[in-house]
């Protein structure tokens, strides 16, 4: 009990505590980190004061101002923050009250949010964690450029009653743009006016902003250029979808602001975010040598580990430090929920590789006590959940595995804001401790550039395929491409996905991929295919007529 008391940080007025007794921050460890801790506090103070924290883009990083506009470095920014928040609240209220309606029905019932990364993960976490059946709009997310996934999402919708929210800072993010174009096309096919049901959240003057203005979209909300995607959930990116869902965004921001205030203290013993960052450092030797497994014992927080994957890994996964040294930093995050995980990978956590530490999330209150029935003499449903949490924690300790336990009173607008702010600040502190830039993402940009190169090659190969069968090497030679494997993958993709008859590519598999051949349909084959399709349509029409009779 002594170690627990010494290693516990508790904010009683917030119903919050963080227990580090199973990953103790000893006096000797804290002494060894004193210079790094001092630097981290100093850098956080400068960040909040408006210092250029992302030198790659010469930008400030101001997500902390969003929940306390008094911290904004200029009066203009403060007014902008408050103005956008007021617009969000007013617009959501008019939608939910039926003052703003779609052209062909009396009310909006669903919001389709199109975004990716931070423009989807944060809003999706909030929507899932805080959803209240029968309150606000039903939230649906389209967050990839997968046609099958788009269909699975779109078939759920009553399009005439769907408000579409498109989120993209630049307006050029391919996944978001593609999703928007597909949805626009579906609206058109159903004789619906997309623009009158569409809202844009984007940077001022972006391509998306211009398109929304020209087409007369229902509303445009400005996305701040000093807020990164992974820390945007307390910006318009997260607040508008939340408000449309009927969530109290003022309480959400209040929770984040309260956690910010506590973790602004330069006293490690009272600063849960700094202690969290130090625990990560101690557990991983400051080099990401162990993974962080996040286990929330609450179904409504099942997406929290997914949200933290981006927040932590995109922020901390860096090749170079601030001095240009190659360091390959990072912290791998994964998880699902308790007690489900106890019937899955906790077996390995207990008895397998000791290459991780656990962050338990405990939620004390039960929102629906009428379901918390006695299932054994003197034992309720919630007693089992608590027993599994404490039992797993002890079993891991007995096996030499380290853990942290974060406890909150319940899952609410306020407490979710607190949790998000806690981890945002812990990420910033940890980045300072290991001397990296948490606010750029060169690896992401490299992936985008590589994807763009592949798409250019795909178009080149698509126009080069002939009626005569050829191998990938032969086609690569004709288009002047040295990477034969990439040409092969282009051809396989075309054979699987191209659907216009004059673009169909046929693949004939041989003994090995380098011997496979590819060709286009001949004119005779196109005509045969057209006849087959026409015959199928006629047969289908006959069947339908028979059913009507």
Protein backbone atom coordinates (compact mmCIF):
# COMPACT_ATOMS: atom_id res chain seq x y z
CA UNK A 1 0.00 0.00 0.00
CA UNK A 2 2.92 2.35 0.70
CA UNK A 3 4.25 2.06 -2.86
CA UNK A 4 0.74 2.52 -4.26
CA UNK A 5 0.19 5.68 -2.22
CA UNK A 6 3.57 7.11 -3.17
CA UNK A 7 3.14 6.32 -6.88
CA UNK A 8 -0.48 7.51 -7.23
CA UNK A 9 -1.39 10.85 -8.81
CA UNK A 10 -4.98 11.79 -8.05
CA UNK A 11 -7.19 14.69 -9.15
CA UNK A 12 -10.15 14.17 -6.83
CA UNK A 13 -12.29 16.95 -8.29
CA UNK A 14 -12.02 15.31 -11.73
CA UNK A 15 -12.58 11.76 -10.50
CA UNK A 16 -9.20 10.85 -12.02
CA UNK A 17 -6.17 8.94 -10.84
CA UNK A 18 -3.05 7.42 -12.37
CA UNK A 19 -1.32 4.54 -10.60
CA UNK A 20 2.37 3.95 -11.39
CA UNK A 21 3.04 1.47 -8.57
CA UNK A 22 3.56 -1.38 -11.06
CA UNK A 23 5.99 0.75 -13.08
CA UNK A 24 7.41 2.88 -10.26
CA UNK A 25 9.18 6.17 -10.91
CA UNK A 26 11.86 5.89 -8.25
CA UNK A 27 13.77 8.87 -6.82
CA UNK A 28 17.00 7.67 -8.44
CA UNK A 29 15.32 7.43 -11.86
CA UNK A 30 13.78 10.88 -11.52
CA UNK A 31 17.15 12.33 -10.48
CA UNK A 32 18.77 10.82 -13.57
CA UNK A 33 16.11 12.46 -15.73
CA UNK A 34 16.13 15.89 -14.09
CA UNK A 35 17.78 17.78 -16.97
CA UNK A 36 15.49 16.18 -19.55
CA UNK A 37 12.45 16.92 -17.38
CA UNK A 38 13.42 20.57 -17.03
CA UNK A 39 13.88 20.86 -20.81
CA UNK A 40 10.51 19.20 -21.46
CA UNK A 41 8.68 21.62 -19.16
CA UNK A 42 10.44 24.56 -20.80
CA UNK A 43 9.59 23.35 -24.31
CA UNK A 44 5.95 22.78 -23.36
CA UNK A 45 5.70 26.31 -21.99
CA UNK A 46 7.17 27.68 -25.23
CA UNK A 47 4.78 25.56 -27.31
CA UNK A 48 1.74 26.91 -25.48
CA UNK A 49 3.07 30.44 -25.80
CA UNK A 50 3.11 30.17 -29.60
CA UNK A 51 6.67 29.12 -30.43
CA UNK A 52 7.30 27.55 -33.84
CA UNK A 53 7.04 23.90 -32.82
CA UNK A 54 6.96 22.46 -36.34
CA UNK A 55 9.96 23.98 -38.13
CA UNK A 56 9.35 21.82 -41.23
CA UNK A 57 6.21 23.84 -41.96
CA UNK A 58 7.14 26.94 -39.94
CA UNK A 59 3.98 26.54 -37.89
CA UNK A 60 2.86 26.94 -34.33
CA UNK A 61 1.11 24.03 -32.63
CA UNK A 62 -1.90 25.37 -30.81
CA UNK A 63 -4.38 22.62 -29.99
CA UNK A 64 -4.14 23.60 -26.31
CA UNK A 65 -5.62 27.01 -27.11
CA UNK A 66 -8.76 25.36 -28.46
CA UNK A 67 -9.94 24.49 -24.94
CA UNK A 68 -8.70 27.71 -23.36
CA UNK A 69 -8.65 30.53 -25.87
CA UNK A 70 -7.13 32.87 -23.28
CA UNK A 71 -3.84 31.07 -23.95
CA UNK A 72 -3.83 32.02 -27.63
CA UNK A 73 -0.82 34.25 -28.43
CA UNK A 74 -2.90 36.94 -30.16
CA UNK A 75 -6.34 38.45 -29.63
CA UNK A 76 -7.17 37.66 -33.25
CA UNK A 77 -6.58 33.94 -32.71
CA UNK A 78 -8.64 34.01 -29.51
CA UNK A 79 -11.56 35.61 -31.32
CA UNK A 80 -11.23 33.12 -34.17
CA UNK A 81 -11.37 30.15 -31.78
CA UNK A 82 -14.44 31.46 -29.96
CA UNK A 83 -16.19 32.48 -33.19
CA UNK A 84 -15.78 29.05 -34.78
CA UNK A 85 -17.01 27.33 -31.62
CA UNK A 86 -20.11 29.54 -31.56
CA UNK A 87 -20.77 28.80 -35.24
CA UNK A 88 -20.49 25.06 -34.57
CA UNK A 89 -22.95 25.19 -31.67
CA UNK A 90 -25.42 27.34 -33.60
CA UNK A 91 -25.26 25.26 -36.78
CA UNK A 92 -25.65 21.95 -34.92
CA UNK A 93 -28.58 23.32 -32.95
CA UNK A 94 -30.35 24.44 -36.15
CA UNK A 95 -29.82 21.02 -37.72
CA UNK A 96 -31.05 19.14 -34.66
CA UNK A 97 -34.00 21.50 -34.14
CA UNK A 98 -35.10 21.12 -37.76
CA UNK A 99 -34.36 24.70 -38.78
CA UNK A 100 -31.83 23.46 -41.34
CA UNK A 101 -33.27 20.62 -43.39
CA UNK A 102 -32.42 18.66 -46.54
CA UNK A 103 -34.20 19.72 -49.74
CA UNK A 104 -36.49 16.70 -50.04
CA UNK A 105 -37.32 15.71 -46.44
CA UNK A 106 -38.21 17.32 -43.14
CA UNK A 107 -35.08 16.50 -41.19
CA UNK A 108 -31.54 15.15 -41.19
CA UNK A 109 -31.24 11.83 -39.37
CA UNK A 110 -27.66 10.82 -40.19
CA UNK A 111 -24.27 12.46 -40.60
CA UNK A 112 -21.79 10.83 -43.00
CA UNK A 113 -18.29 11.99 -42.06
CA UNK A 114 -15.71 11.63 -44.86
CA UNK A 115 -12.12 11.93 -43.68
CA UNK A 116 -9.01 9.93 -42.88
CA UNK A 117 -6.41 9.74 -40.12
CA UNK A 118 -6.96 12.43 -37.53
CA UNK A 119 -9.93 13.69 -39.52
CA UNK A 120 -11.73 10.42 -38.80
CA UNK A 121 -10.14 8.61 -35.83
CA UNK A 122 -10.83 11.37 -33.29
CA UNK A 123 -14.44 12.04 -34.33
CA UNK A 124 -15.07 8.28 -34.56
CA UNK A 125 -13.73 7.70 -31.04
CA UNK A 126 -15.93 10.46 -29.63
CA UNK A 127 -18.98 9.25 -31.56
CA UNK A 128 -18.60 5.66 -30.39
CA UNK A 129 -17.68 6.46 -26.79
CA UNK A 130 -20.41 9.02 -26.16
CA UNK A 131 -23.26 7.90 -28.39
CA UNK A 132 -26.69 8.10 -26.81
CA UNK A 133 -29.35 6.27 -28.78
CA UNK A 134 -32.14 8.56 -29.90
CA UNK A 135 -30.14 11.75 -29.35
CA UNK A 136 -28.71 13.77 -32.24
CA UNK A 137 -27.77 12.42 -35.64
CA UNK A 138 -26.61 8.88 -36.25
CA UNK A 139 -22.88 9.03 -37.09
CA UNK A 140 -21.39 7.04 -39.99
CA UNK A 141 -17.78 7.29 -41.18
CA UNK A 142 -16.19 6.79 -44.58
CA UNK A 143 -12.43 6.72 -44.03
CA UNK A 144 -10.74 4.81 -46.84
CA UNK A 145 -10.53 4.59 -50.62
CA UNK A 146 -11.82 1.00 -50.70
CA UNK A 147 -14.88 0.68 -53.01
CA UNK A 148 -16.16 -2.33 -51.06
CA UNK A 149 -15.91 -0.43 -47.79
CA UNK A 150 -17.67 2.55 -49.36
CA UNK A 151 -20.54 0.33 -50.44
CA UNK A 152 -20.87 -1.21 -46.97
CA UNK A 153 -21.15 2.31 -45.56
CA UNK A 154 -23.44 3.79 -48.20
CA UNK A 155 -26.03 0.99 -48.12
CA UNK A 156 -26.74 1.93 -44.49
CA UNK A 157 -27.88 5.41 -45.45
CA UNK A 158 -31.14 7.05 -46.30
CA UNK A 159 -29.39 9.53 -48.60
CA UNK A 160 -32.19 12.09 -48.64
CA UNK A 161 -31.83 12.50 -44.87
CA UNK A 162 -28.01 12.38 -44.71
CA UNK A 163 -25.82 15.37 -43.93
CA UNK A 164 -22.37 14.85 -45.49
CA UNK A 165 -19.37 16.33 -43.63
CA UNK A 166 -16.16 16.35 -45.67
CA UNK A 167 -12.98 16.95 -43.64
CA UNK A 168 -9.65 17.73 -45.30
CA UNK A 169 -7.23 20.54 -44.49
CA UNK A 170 -5.82 20.80 -48.01
CA UNK A 171 -8.77 19.36 -49.85
CA UNK A 172 -6.36 17.19 -51.81
CA UNK A 173 -6.04 14.15 -49.52
CA UNK A 174 -6.70 11.33 -52.01
CA UNK A 175 -8.72 9.06 -49.72
CA UNK A 176 -11.05 11.88 -48.66
CA UNK A 177 -11.33 13.32 -52.17
CA UNK A 178 -12.14 9.90 -53.63
CA UNK A 179 -14.79 9.26 -50.99
CA UNK A 180 -16.36 12.65 -51.66
CA UNK A 181 -16.45 12.03 -55.42
CA UNK A 182 -18.05 8.62 -54.95
CA UNK A 183 -20.70 10.04 -52.62
CA UNK A 184 -21.38 12.95 -54.98
CA UNK A 185 -21.89 10.44 -57.78
CA UNK A 186 -24.26 8.32 -55.70
CA UNK A 187 -26.28 11.43 -54.83
CA UNK A 188 -26.45 12.32 -58.52
CA UNK A 189 -27.60 8.83 -59.49
CA UNK A 190 -30.39 9.17 -56.93
CA UNK A 191 -31.42 12.63 -58.23
CA UNK A 192 -30.36 14.34 -55.00
CA UNK A 193 -28.63 17.72 -54.65
CA UNK A 194 -25.35 16.89 -52.90
CA UNK A 195 -24.35 20.53 -52.35
CA UNK A 196 -27.50 21.26 -50.33
CA UNK A 197 -26.63 18.43 -47.94
CA UNK A 198 -22.86 18.95 -47.73
CA UNK A 199 -20.59 20.68 -45.22
CA UNK A 200 -16.85 21.27 -45.67
CA UNK A 201 -14.28 21.45 -42.89
CA UNK A 202 -11.11 22.63 -44.59
CA UNK A 203 -8.40 25.26 -44.72
CA UNK A 204 -9.37 28.68 -45.95
CA UNK A 205 -8.65 28.99 -49.67
CA UNK A 206 -8.00 25.26 -50.10
CA UNK A 207 -9.18 23.38 -53.18
CA UNK A 208 -12.07 21.92 -51.16
CA UNK A 209 -12.98 25.36 -49.82
CA UNK A 210 -13.16 26.74 -53.37
CA UNK A 211 -15.21 23.80 -54.63
CA UNK A 212 -17.66 24.10 -51.73
CA UNK A 213 -18.03 27.83 -52.36
CA UNK A 214 -18.52 27.44 -56.12
CA UNK A 215 -21.04 24.62 -55.75
CA UNK A 216 -22.97 26.36 -52.97
CA UNK A 217 -22.50 23.81 -50.20
CA UNK A 218 -24.65 24.14 -47.11
CA UNK A 219 -21.80 25.43 -44.91
CA UNK A 220 -18.00 25.80 -44.79
CA UNK A 221 -16.02 25.71 -41.52
CA UNK A 222 -12.35 26.80 -41.40
CA UNK A 223 -9.74 24.28 -40.26
CA UNK A 224 -6.82 25.86 -38.39
CA UNK A 225 -3.41 25.44 -40.02
CA UNK A 226 -1.77 25.38 -36.58
CA UNK A 227 -3.59 22.20 -35.51
CA UNK A 228 -2.31 18.83 -36.71
CA UNK A 229 -4.69 16.04 -37.66
CA UNK A 230 -3.81 13.75 -34.77
CA UNK A 231 -4.46 16.53 -32.24
CA UNK A 232 -7.52 17.98 -33.96
CA UNK A 233 -10.31 16.30 -32.03
CA UNK A 234 -10.86 19.41 -29.86
CA UNK A 235 -10.95 21.58 -33.01
CA UNK A 236 -13.79 21.97 -35.49
CA UNK A 237 -12.74 18.55 -36.87
CA UNK A 238 -13.98 16.80 -33.75
CA UNK A 239 -16.40 19.38 -32.38
CA UNK A 240 -18.78 19.66 -35.33
CA UNK A 241 -19.47 15.90 -35.63
CA UNK A 242 -19.80 15.71 -31.84
CA UNK A 243 -22.23 18.63 -31.70
CA UNK A 244 -24.32 17.07 -34.50
CA UNK A 245 -24.51 13.95 -32.37
CA UNK A 246 -25.92 15.97 -29.49
CA UNK A 247 -22.74 15.81 -27.40
CA UNK A 248 -22.03 18.67 -24.99
CA UNK A 249 -18.87 20.03 -26.63
CA UNK A 250 -18.46 22.69 -23.92
CA UNK A 251 -18.14 19.91 -21.31
CA UNK A 252 -15.78 17.99 -23.61
CA UNK A 253 -13.53 21.07 -23.90
CA UNK A 254 -13.86 21.73 -20.18
CA UNK A 255 -12.50 18.26 -19.41
CA UNK A 256 -9.54 18.76 -21.73
CA UNK A 257 -8.85 22.21 -20.26
CA UNK A 258 -8.96 20.85 -16.71
CA UNK A 259 -6.42 18.15 -17.55
CA UNK A 260 -4.25 20.73 -19.32
CA UNK A 261 -4.29 22.87 -16.20
CA UNK A 262 -3.21 20.07 -13.87
CA UNK A 263 -0.50 18.84 -16.24
CA UNK A 264 0.87 22.34 -16.70
CA UNK A 265 2.40 22.13 -13.20
CA UNK A 266 6.20 21.88 -13.06
CA UNK A 267 5.90 19.38 -10.20
CA UNK A 268 6.41 15.83 -11.45
CA UNK A 269 4.62 14.28 -8.47
CA UNK A 270 1.42 16.16 -9.38
CA UNK A 271 1.71 16.06 -13.16
CA UNK A 272 0.09 12.88 -14.53
CA UNK A 273 1.10 13.59 -18.15
CA UNK A 274 4.76 14.05 -17.28
CA UNK A 275 4.68 10.91 -15.14
CA UNK A 276 3.10 9.02 -18.02
CA UNK A 277 5.86 10.18 -20.39
CA UNK A 278 8.52 9.25 -17.83
CA UNK A 279 6.96 5.81 -17.36
CA UNK A 280 7.12 5.27 -21.14
CA UNK A 281 10.77 6.33 -21.05
CA UNK A 282 11.61 4.01 -18.18
CA UNK A 283 9.73 1.02 -19.62
CA UNK A 284 11.35 1.36 -23.06
CA UNK A 285 14.81 2.74 -22.11
CA UNK A 286 13.79 5.88 -24.00
CA UNK A 287 14.20 3.95 -27.25
CA UNK A 288 10.82 2.29 -27.80
CA UNK A 289 12.19 -1.15 -26.87
CA UNK A 290 8.78 -2.27 -25.59
CA UNK A 291 5.26 -1.91 -26.95
CA UNK A 292 2.41 -0.22 -25.11
CA UNK A 293 -0.70 -2.38 -24.81
CA UNK A 294 -3.79 -0.31 -24.02
CA UNK A 295 -6.56 -2.20 -22.21
CA UNK A 296 -9.67 -0.14 -21.45
CA UNK A 297 -12.12 -2.10 -19.32
CA UNK A 298 -15.12 -0.45 -20.94
CA UNK A 299 -16.83 -1.31 -24.23
CA UNK A 300 -17.38 2.35 -25.06
CA UNK A 301 -13.60 2.89 -25.11
CA UNK A 302 -12.84 0.08 -27.55
CA UNK A 303 -11.60 2.60 -30.15
CA UNK A 304 -9.29 4.35 -27.69
CA UNK A 305 -6.29 2.16 -28.52
CA UNK A 306 -6.89 2.74 -32.24
CA UNK A 307 -7.00 6.48 -31.62
CA UNK A 308 -3.79 6.32 -29.56
CA UNK A 309 -2.03 4.38 -32.29
CA UNK A 310 -2.08 7.43 -34.52
CA UNK A 311 -1.55 10.01 -31.79
CA UNK A 312 1.46 8.21 -30.33
CA UNK A 313 3.02 6.43 -33.30
CA UNK A 314 2.74 9.24 -35.85
CA UNK A 315 4.08 11.70 -33.30
CA UNK A 316 6.95 9.60 -31.92
CA UNK A 317 7.92 7.36 -34.84
CA UNK A 318 10.83 9.41 -36.20
CA UNK A 319 14.09 8.56 -37.95
CA UNK A 320 16.01 11.64 -36.81
CA UNK A 321 16.18 13.71 -33.65
CA UNK A 322 16.12 17.51 -33.56
CA UNK A 323 19.88 17.61 -34.18
CA UNK A 324 19.67 15.48 -37.31
CA UNK A 325 21.06 12.34 -35.69
CA UNK A 326 19.61 9.01 -36.81
CA UNK A 327 17.76 7.61 -33.79
CA UNK A 328 14.75 5.63 -35.11
CA UNK A 329 12.48 6.57 -32.24
CA UNK A 330 8.96 5.33 -31.64
CA UNK A 331 6.49 3.64 -29.34
CA UNK A 332 4.26 0.87 -30.74
CA UNK A 333 0.66 0.87 -29.50
CA UNK A 334 -2.00 -1.81 -29.75
CA UNK A 335 -4.95 -3.08 -27.77
CA UNK A 336 -8.62 -3.94 -27.74
CA UNK A 337 -10.61 -4.04 -24.50
CA UNK A 338 -10.91 -5.95 -21.24
CA UNK A 339 -12.00 -8.49 -20.45
CA UNK A 340 -12.16 -9.63 -24.09
CA UNK A 341 -8.36 -9.54 -24.33
CA UNK A 342 -8.07 -12.02 -21.47
CA UNK A 343 -9.49 -14.62 -23.86
CA UNK A 344 -7.05 -13.58 -26.59
CA UNK A 345 -3.51 -12.24 -26.37
CA UNK A 346 -3.22 -11.80 -22.61
CA UNK A 347 -1.94 -15.39 -22.62
CA UNK A 348 1.17 -14.16 -24.42
CA UNK A 349 1.40 -11.07 -22.23
CA UNK A 350 1.48 -13.30 -19.16
CA UNK A 351 3.71 -16.11 -20.36
CA UNK A 352 5.33 -15.05 -23.65
CA UNK A 353 7.72 -12.35 -24.76
CA UNK A 354 8.29 -9.61 -22.19
CA UNK A 355 8.38 -6.94 -24.91
CA UNK A 356 5.58 -4.68 -23.67
CA UNK A 357 4.01 -2.78 -20.81
CA UNK A 358 0.29 -2.36 -20.23
CA UNK A 359 -1.85 0.72 -19.71
CA UNK A 360 -5.11 -0.29 -18.03
CA UNK A 361 -8.05 2.12 -18.25
CA UNK A 362 -10.49 1.63 -15.39
CA UNK A 363 -13.98 3.17 -15.41
CA UNK A 364 -15.52 3.08 -11.95
CA UNK A 365 -19.19 3.95 -12.43
CA UNK A 366 -21.84 1.90 -14.22
CA UNK A 367 -24.12 3.96 -16.45
CA UNK A 368 -26.90 1.37 -16.46
CA UNK A 369 -27.15 -0.01 -12.90
CA UNK A 370 -30.39 -1.83 -13.76
CA UNK A 371 -28.29 -4.24 -15.85
CA UNK A 372 -25.71 -4.77 -13.09
CA UNK A 373 -27.54 -7.72 -11.65
CA UNK A 374 -26.35 -10.33 -9.18
CA UNK A 375 -25.11 -13.29 -11.23
CA UNK A 376 -23.62 -15.27 -8.35
CA UNK A 377 -24.50 -15.04 -4.65
CA UNK A 378 -23.23 -11.60 -3.60
CA UNK A 379 -21.46 -10.96 -6.95
CA UNK A 380 -22.68 -8.62 -9.69
CA UNK A 381 -21.81 -8.31 -13.39
CA UNK A 382 -19.59 -5.27 -12.72
CA UNK A 383 -17.78 -7.14 -9.93
CA UNK A 384 -16.55 -9.59 -12.54
CA UNK A 385 -15.25 -6.76 -14.74
CA UNK A 386 -13.34 -5.28 -11.82
CA UNK A 387 -12.11 -8.72 -10.81
CA UNK A 388 -10.78 -9.41 -14.29
CA UNK A 389 -8.98 -6.06 -14.38
CA UNK A 390 -7.35 -6.51 -10.98
CA UNK A 391 -6.67 -10.19 -11.61
CA UNK A 392 -4.98 -9.57 -14.95
CA UNK A 393 -2.96 -6.72 -13.47
CA UNK A 394 -1.75 -8.96 -10.63
CA UNK A 395 -1.05 -11.92 -12.92
CA UNK A 396 1.13 -9.69 -15.09
CA UNK A 397 2.94 -8.31 -12.05
CA UNK A 398 3.60 -11.85 -10.81
CA UNK A 399 5.18 -12.60 -14.19
CA UNK A 400 7.43 -9.51 -14.04
CA UNK A 401 5.35 -7.47 -16.49
CA UNK A 402 4.98 -3.73 -15.87
CA UNK A 403 1.74 -1.75 -16.03
CA UNK A 404 0.10 1.61 -15.43
CA UNK A 405 -3.53 1.97 -14.35
CA UNK A 406 -5.52 5.08 -15.22
CA UNK A 407 -8.89 5.43 -13.52
CA UNK A 408 -11.79 7.71 -14.39
CA UNK A 409 -15.19 8.02 -12.76
CA UNK A 410 -17.23 7.34 -15.91
CA UNK A 411 -17.19 7.80 -19.68
CA UNK A 412 -18.71 11.22 -20.32
CA UNK A 413 -18.13 14.36 -22.35
CA UNK A 414 -15.94 15.68 -19.54
CA UNK A 415 -13.87 12.58 -18.82
CA UNK A 416 -13.21 11.72 -22.47
CA UNK A 417 -11.88 15.24 -22.95
CA UNK A 418 -9.62 14.67 -19.95
CA UNK A 419 -8.26 11.37 -21.28
CA UNK A 420 -7.51 12.80 -24.72
CA UNK A 421 -5.72 15.83 -23.25
CA UNK A 422 -3.71 13.61 -20.89
CA UNK A 423 -2.25 11.54 -23.72
CA UNK A 424 -1.73 14.53 -26.00
CA UNK A 425 0.41 16.17 -23.34
CA UNK A 426 2.22 12.94 -22.49
CA UNK A 427 3.20 12.60 -26.16
CA UNK A 428 4.56 16.16 -26.21
CA UNK A 429 6.53 15.61 -23.01
CA UNK A 430 7.95 12.29 -24.23
CA UNK A 431 9.03 13.85 -27.53
CA UNK A 432 10.97 16.44 -25.54
CA UNK A 433 12.53 13.77 -23.32
CA UNK A 434 13.89 11.93 -26.38
CA UNK A 435 14.58 15.17 -28.31
CA UNK A 436 12.45 14.65 -31.42
CA UNK A 437 9.87 16.67 -33.35
CA UNK A 438 6.42 15.31 -32.48
CA UNK A 439 4.62 17.49 -35.01
CA UNK A 440 5.86 16.51 -38.42
CA UNK A 441 5.40 13.27 -40.37
CA UNK A 442 8.04 12.82 -43.08
CA UNK A 443 7.33 9.07 -43.24
CA UNK A 444 3.71 9.74 -44.15
CA UNK A 445 4.77 12.15 -46.86
CA UNK A 446 7.21 9.57 -48.24
CA UNK A 447 4.38 7.05 -48.52
CA UNK A 448 2.20 9.57 -50.35
CA UNK A 449 4.99 10.32 -52.84
CA UNK A 450 5.58 6.61 -53.47
CA UNK A 451 1.84 6.07 -54.03
CA UNK A 452 1.79 8.96 -56.51
CA UNK A 453 4.71 7.41 -58.42
CA UNK A 454 2.90 4.07 -58.58
CA UNK A 455 -0.28 5.70 -59.92
CA UNK A 456 1.70 7.44 -62.66
CA UNK A 457 3.26 4.12 -63.61
CA UNK A 458 -0.17 2.45 -63.54
CA UNK A 459 -1.53 4.90 -66.09
CA UNK A 460 1.54 4.43 -68.27
CA UNK A 461 1.19 0.65 -68.17
CA UNK A 462 -2.58 0.76 -68.73
CA UNK A 463 -2.09 2.60 -72.01
CA UNK A 464 0.70 0.24 -73.09
CA UNK A 465 -1.06 -3.14 -72.85
CA UNK A 466 -1.75 -4.60 -76.30
CA UNK A 467 -3.83 -7.41 -77.77
CA UNK A 468 -0.68 -9.49 -78.18
CA UNK A 469 0.18 -11.33 -74.91
CA UNK A 470 3.32 -10.04 -73.20
CA UNK A 471 5.15 -10.60 -69.93
CA UNK A 472 5.63 -7.83 -67.38
CA UNK A 473 9.29 -7.57 -68.41
CA UNK A 474 8.36 -7.07 -72.05
CA UNK A 475 5.84 -4.37 -71.23
CA UNK A 476 8.30 -2.72 -68.81
CA UNK A 477 10.92 -2.56 -71.54
CA UNK A 478 8.47 -0.90 -73.93
CA UNK A 479 7.50 1.81 -71.41
CA UNK A 480 11.09 2.37 -70.27
CA UNK A 481 10.55 1.15 -66.68
CA UNK A 482 13.35 -0.68 -64.84
CA UNK A 483 11.16 -1.83 -61.92
CA UNK A 484 9.58 -4.90 -63.51
CA UNK A 485 7.95 -6.03 -60.28
CA UNK A 486 5.99 -2.78 -60.00
CA UNK A 487 4.87 -3.16 -63.61
CA UNK A 488 3.73 -6.70 -62.78
CA UNK A 489 1.67 -5.44 -59.82
CA UNK A 490 0.09 -2.79 -62.08
CA UNK A 491 -0.91 -5.49 -64.55
CA UNK A 492 -2.35 -7.82 -61.91
CA UNK A 493 -4.36 -4.91 -60.48
CA UNK A 494 -5.69 -4.05 -63.93
CA UNK A 495 -6.63 -7.67 -64.61
CA UNK A 496 -8.56 -7.80 -61.34
CA UNK A 497 -10.21 -4.37 -61.34
CA UNK A 498 -10.58 -2.82 -64.82
CA UNK A 499 -14.22 -3.13 -65.80
CA UNK A 500 -14.76 -1.12 -69.02
CA UNK A 501 -14.82 -3.67 -71.85
CA UNK A 502 -12.25 -1.89 -73.98
CA UNK A 503 -9.88 -1.72 -70.97
CA UNK A 504 -10.20 -5.32 -69.76
CA UNK A 505 -6.80 -6.94 -69.25
CA UNK A 506 -6.58 -10.71 -69.28
CA UNK A 507 -3.90 -12.45 -67.23
CA UNK A 508 -2.72 -15.96 -68.04
CA UNK A 509 -0.83 -17.52 -65.15
CA UNK A 510 2.19 -19.65 -66.07
CA UNK A 511 4.64 -21.59 -63.90
CA UNK A 512 5.94 -18.39 -62.25
CA UNK A 513 4.95 -14.69 -62.16
CA UNK A 514 7.78 -13.63 -64.46
CA UNK A 515 6.29 -15.90 -67.16
CA UNK A 516 2.67 -14.69 -66.76
CA UNK A 517 1.29 -12.90 -69.82
CA UNK A 518 -1.15 -10.02 -70.12
CA UNK A 519 -3.24 -8.77 -73.01
CA UNK A 520 -6.35 -6.75 -73.88
CA UNK A 521 -9.52 -8.19 -75.38
CA UNK A 522 -9.76 -8.41 -79.16
CA UNK A 523 -12.63 -6.67 -80.99
CA UNK A 524 -14.33 -10.06 -81.43
CA UNK A 525 -14.03 -10.83 -77.71
CA UNK A 526 -15.47 -7.41 -76.82
CA UNK A 527 -18.45 -8.05 -79.07
CA UNK A 528 -18.96 -11.50 -77.52
CA UNK A 529 -18.85 -10.00 -74.04
CA UNK A 530 -21.34 -7.32 -75.02
CA UNK A 531 -23.69 -9.96 -76.37
CA UNK A 532 -23.36 -12.01 -73.18
CA UNK A 533 -24.15 -8.96 -71.05
CA UNK A 534 -27.14 -8.05 -73.22
CA UNK A 535 -28.47 -11.60 -73.01
CA UNK A 536 -28.09 -11.61 -69.23
CA UNK A 537 -30.00 -8.31 -68.98
CA UNK A 538 -32.80 -9.64 -71.18
CA UNK A 539 -33.07 -12.83 -69.10
CA UNK A 540 -33.13 -10.77 -65.91
CA UNK A 541 -35.88 -8.56 -67.34
CA UNK A 542 -37.94 -11.62 -68.24
CA UNK A 543 -37.54 -13.02 -64.72
CA UNK A 544 -38.63 -9.74 -63.16
CA UNK A 545 -41.69 -9.53 -65.41
CA UNK A 546 -42.63 -13.06 -64.36
CA UNK A 547 -42.33 -12.16 -60.68
CA UNK A 548 -44.54 -9.06 -61.16
CA UNK A 549 -47.25 -11.21 -62.74
